[in-house]
Amino acid sequence: MGVDEEYYDVPDATVRGIRTAAYKLLEHDNGERELYDLITDPREKVNVYTEPAYASIRADLTRRLDVITTCSGVTCCGN
């Protein structure tokens, strides 16, 4: 995990998420997904999760979030 990322983990939470300097991805237990472009929308008013222009960002953040939430051990989350 880089210094420009944050991971949110709240026990018994209904949401998990990852934030970089430019984007925030949230995944709710009910299946709802949110992606915000923090550069163009710093107040997180427009959910761009389904926008085709953000497909690669969505895929990258989802991959990172999956790694962070499933890794364990000393070498966990090296990249």
N, C-alpha and C. Protein backbone atom coordinates (compact mmCIF):
# COMPACT_ATOMS: atom_id res chain seq x y z
N MET A 1 0.86 -1.17 0.00
CA MET A 1 0.00 0.00 0.00
C MET A 1 0.90 1.23 0.00
N GLY A 2 0.69 2.12 -0.92
CA GLY A 2 1.49 3.33 -1.01
C GLY A 2 1.09 4.36 0.02
N VAL A 3 1.93 5.35 0.19
CA VAL A 3 1.65 6.39 1.18
C VAL A 3 0.48 7.28 0.78
N ASP A 4 0.06 7.21 -0.45
CA ASP A 4 -1.06 8.04 -0.88
C ASP A 4 -2.39 7.28 -0.88
N GLU A 5 -2.43 6.12 -0.21
CA GLU A 5 -3.64 5.32 -0.15
C GLU A 5 -4.12 5.18 1.28
N GLU A 6 -5.42 5.05 1.45
CA GLU A 6 -6.00 4.74 2.75
C GLU A 6 -6.93 3.57 2.57
N TYR A 7 -6.95 2.69 3.56
CA TYR A 7 -7.86 1.54 3.56
C TYR A 7 -8.76 1.67 4.77
N TYR A 8 -10.04 1.45 4.58
CA TYR A 8 -11.00 1.56 5.67
C TYR A 8 -11.45 0.16 6.08
N ASP A 9 -11.31 -0.18 7.35
CA ASP A 9 -11.76 -1.46 7.86
C ASP A 9 -12.41 -1.23 9.21
N VAL A 10 -13.71 -1.37 9.25
CA VAL A 10 -14.45 -1.18 10.49
C VAL A 10 -15.12 -2.51 10.82
N PRO A 11 -14.79 -3.12 11.98
CA PRO A 11 -15.41 -4.40 12.33
C PRO A 11 -16.94 -4.32 12.24
N ASP A 12 -17.53 -5.37 11.70
CA ASP A 12 -18.99 -5.47 11.53
C ASP A 12 -19.55 -4.37 10.63
N ALA A 13 -18.71 -3.76 9.84
CA ALA A 13 -19.16 -2.69 8.94
C ALA A 13 -19.91 -3.28 7.76
N THR A 14 -20.65 -2.46 7.11
CA THR A 14 -21.36 -2.88 5.90
C THR A 14 -20.72 -2.29 4.65
N VAL A 15 -19.53 -1.74 4.79
CA VAL A 15 -18.83 -1.13 3.66
C VAL A 15 -17.33 -1.31 3.84
N ARG A 16 -16.64 -1.45 2.71
CA ARG A 16 -15.18 -1.42 2.72
C ARG A 16 -14.76 -0.47 1.61
N GLY A 17 -13.58 0.10 1.73
CA GLY A 17 -13.18 1.06 0.72
C GLY A 17 -11.69 1.30 0.67
N ILE A 18 -11.29 1.96 -0.39
CA ILE A 18 -9.90 2.37 -0.57
C ILE A 18 -9.91 3.77 -1.17
N ARG A 19 -8.93 4.56 -0.74
CA ARG A 19 -8.84 5.94 -1.21
C ARG A 19 -7.41 6.23 -1.63
N THR A 20 -7.26 6.86 -2.78
CA THR A 20 -5.97 7.37 -3.21
C THR A 20 -6.09 8.89 -3.22
N ALA A 21 -5.05 9.55 -3.66
CA ALA A 21 -5.10 11.01 -3.74
C ALA A 21 -6.17 11.47 -4.74
N ALA A 22 -6.46 10.64 -5.72
CA ALA A 22 -7.38 11.05 -6.79
C ALA A 22 -8.75 10.39 -6.76
N TYR A 23 -8.87 9.21 -6.13
CA TYR A 23 -10.12 8.46 -6.21
C TYR A 23 -10.48 7.81 -4.88
N LYS A 24 -11.78 7.56 -4.70
CA LYS A 24 -12.27 6.79 -3.56
C LYS A 24 -13.26 5.76 -4.08
N LEU A 25 -13.02 4.49 -3.70
CA LEU A 25 -13.91 3.39 -4.06
C LEU A 25 -14.52 2.82 -2.79
N LEU A 26 -15.84 2.67 -2.78
CA LEU A 26 -16.56 2.08 -1.65
C LEU A 26 -17.37 0.90 -2.16
N GLU A 27 -17.34 -0.21 -1.42
CA GLU A 27 -18.13 -1.39 -1.75
C GLU A 27 -18.97 -1.74 -0.53
N HIS A 28 -20.28 -1.66 -0.68
CA HIS A 28 -21.21 -1.94 0.41
C HIS A 28 -21.62 -3.41 0.38
N ASP A 29 -21.92 -3.96 1.55
CA ASP A 29 -22.36 -5.36 1.64
C ASP A 29 -23.64 -5.62 0.86
N ASN A 30 -24.44 -4.60 0.66
CA ASN A 30 -25.71 -4.77 -0.07
C ASN A 30 -25.51 -4.77 -1.59
N GLY A 31 -24.25 -4.71 -2.05
CA GLY A 31 -23.95 -4.75 -3.47
C GLY A 31 -23.75 -3.38 -4.11
N GLU A 32 -24.10 -2.34 -3.41
CA GLU A 32 -23.91 -0.98 -3.95
C GLU A 32 -22.42 -0.67 -4.04
N ARG A 33 -22.04 -0.02 -5.12
CA ARG A 33 -20.65 0.38 -5.33
C ARG A 33 -20.62 1.88 -5.61
N GLU A 34 -19.58 2.54 -5.10
CA GLU A 34 -19.41 3.97 -5.34
C GLU A 34 -17.96 4.24 -5.71
N LEU A 35 -17.77 5.11 -6.68
CA LEU A 35 -16.45 5.57 -7.08
C LEU A 35 -16.52 7.07 -7.27
N TYR A 36 -15.61 7.77 -6.62
CA TYR A 36 -15.59 9.22 -6.72
C TYR A 36 -14.24 9.69 -7.24
N ASP A 37 -14.28 10.64 -8.15
CA ASP A 37 -13.09 11.31 -8.67
C ASP A 37 -12.86 12.51 -7.77
N LEU A 38 -11.90 12.39 -6.87
CA LEU A 38 -11.68 13.42 -5.87
C LEU A 38 -11.03 14.68 -6.43
N ILE A 39 -10.50 14.60 -7.63
CA ILE A 39 -9.92 15.78 -8.27
C ILE A 39 -11.03 16.67 -8.85
N THR A 40 -11.93 16.06 -9.61
CA THR A 40 -13.00 16.83 -10.24
C THR A 40 -14.24 16.98 -9.35
N ASP A 41 -14.33 16.15 -8.32
CA ASP A 41 -15.51 16.14 -7.44
C ASP A 41 -15.08 15.91 -5.98
N PRO A 42 -14.37 16.86 -5.40
CA PRO A 42 -13.83 16.67 -4.04
C PRO A 42 -14.90 16.49 -2.96
N ARG A 43 -16.12 16.90 -3.24
CA ARG A 43 -17.20 16.74 -2.24
C ARG A 43 -18.00 15.45 -2.44
N GLU A 44 -17.55 14.63 -3.38
CA GLU A 44 -18.14 13.31 -3.62
C GLU A 44 -19.65 13.38 -3.87
N LYS A 45 -20.02 14.21 -4.80
CA LYS A 45 -21.43 14.38 -5.16
C LYS A 45 -21.87 13.47 -6.31
N VAL A 46 -20.91 13.08 -7.18
CA VAL A 46 -21.25 12.31 -8.38
C VAL A 46 -20.56 10.95 -8.34
N ASN A 47 -21.35 9.90 -8.25
CA ASN A 47 -20.84 8.54 -8.26
C ASN A 47 -20.55 8.15 -9.71
N VAL A 48 -19.27 7.92 -10.04
CA VAL A 48 -18.88 7.60 -11.42
C VAL A 48 -18.60 6.11 -11.61
N TYR A 49 -19.04 5.29 -10.68
CA TYR A 49 -18.74 3.85 -10.73
C TYR A 49 -19.12 3.20 -12.06
N THR A 50 -20.24 3.54 -12.61
CA THR A 50 -20.69 2.90 -13.86
C THR A 50 -20.24 3.62 -15.13
N GLU A 51 -19.52 4.71 -14.98
CA GLU A 51 -19.06 5.47 -16.15
C GLU A 51 -17.95 4.71 -16.88
N PRO A 52 -18.11 4.46 -18.18
CA PRO A 52 -17.09 3.74 -18.95
C PRO A 52 -15.70 4.37 -18.88
N ALA A 53 -15.62 5.67 -18.78
CA ALA A 53 -14.32 6.34 -18.74
C ALA A 53 -13.51 5.97 -17.50
N TYR A 54 -14.17 5.44 -16.48
CA TYR A 54 -13.50 5.09 -15.23
C TYR A 54 -13.30 3.59 -15.07
N ALA A 55 -13.52 2.82 -16.12
CA ALA A 55 -13.44 1.36 -16.03
C ALA A 55 -12.07 0.87 -15.55
N SER A 56 -10.99 1.43 -16.07
CA SER A 56 -9.66 0.96 -15.66
C SER A 56 -9.34 1.38 -14.22
N ILE A 57 -9.78 2.55 -13.82
CA ILE A 57 -9.60 3.00 -12.43
C ILE A 57 -10.38 2.09 -11.50
N ARG A 58 -11.62 1.81 -11.86
CA ARG A 58 -12.48 0.92 -11.06
C ARG A 58 -11.82 -0.45 -10.90
N ALA A 59 -11.32 -1.01 -11.99
CA ALA A 59 -10.69 -2.33 -11.95
C ALA A 59 -9.43 -2.32 -11.08
N ASP A 60 -8.61 -1.30 -11.22
CA ASP A 60 -7.38 -1.20 -10.44
C ASP A 60 -7.68 -1.07 -8.94
N LEU A 61 -8.60 -0.19 -8.58
CA LEU A 61 -8.91 0.00 -7.17
C LEU A 61 -9.58 -1.24 -6.58
N THR A 62 -10.41 -1.92 -7.35
CA THR A 62 -11.04 -3.15 -6.88
C THR A 62 -9.98 -4.21 -6.62
N ARG A 63 -9.01 -4.34 -7.52
CA ARG A 63 -7.92 -5.30 -7.34
C ARG A 63 -7.13 -4.97 -6.08
N ARG A 64 -6.78 -3.71 -5.90
CA ARG A 64 -6.03 -3.29 -4.71
C ARG A 64 -6.81 -3.58 -3.43
N LEU A 65 -8.09 -3.28 -3.46
CA LEU A 65 -8.93 -3.51 -2.29
C LEU A 65 -9.02 -5.00 -1.97
N ASP A 66 -9.14 -5.83 -2.98
CA ASP A 66 -9.17 -7.28 -2.77
C ASP A 66 -7.87 -7.78 -2.15
N VAL A 67 -6.74 -7.27 -2.62
CA VAL A 67 -5.44 -7.66 -2.06
C VAL A 67 -5.35 -7.25 -0.60
N ILE A 68 -5.71 -6.04 -0.31
CA ILE A 68 -5.61 -5.53 1.06
C ILE A 68 -6.51 -6.31 2.01
N THR A 69 -7.69 -6.66 1.58
CA THR A 69 -8.64 -7.31 2.49
C THR A 69 -8.43 -8.81 2.61
N THR A 70 -7.62 -9.41 1.75
CA THR A 70 -7.41 -10.86 1.83
C THR A 70 -5.99 -11.25 2.18
N CYS A 71 -5.07 -10.33 2.23
CA CYS A 71 -3.68 -10.67 2.48
C CYS A 71 -3.43 -10.90 3.97
N SER A 72 -2.33 -11.62 4.24
CA SER A 72 -1.92 -11.84 5.63
C SER A 72 -0.44 -12.18 5.65
N GLY A 73 0.18 -11.99 6.79
CA GLY A 73 1.59 -12.34 6.93
C GLY A 73 2.52 -11.16 6.73
N VAL A 74 3.80 -11.45 6.90
CA VAL A 74 4.83 -10.41 6.87
C VAL A 74 4.95 -9.75 5.51
N THR A 75 4.81 -10.50 4.44
CA THR A 75 4.97 -9.95 3.10
C THR A 75 3.67 -9.43 2.51
N CYS A 76 2.65 -9.39 3.31
CA CYS A 76 1.34 -8.96 2.85
C CYS A 76 1.36 -7.55 2.28
N CYS A 77 0.65 -7.38 1.18
CA CYS A 77 0.41 -6.05 0.60
C CYS A 77 1.68 -5.32 0.21
N GLY A 78 2.64 -6.05 -0.30
CA GLY A 78 3.90 -5.43 -0.69
C GLY A 78 3.75 -4.45 -1.84
N ASN A 79 2.78 -4.64 -2.71
CA ASN A 79 2.58 -3.74 -3.85
C ASN A 79 1.15 -3.34 -3.96
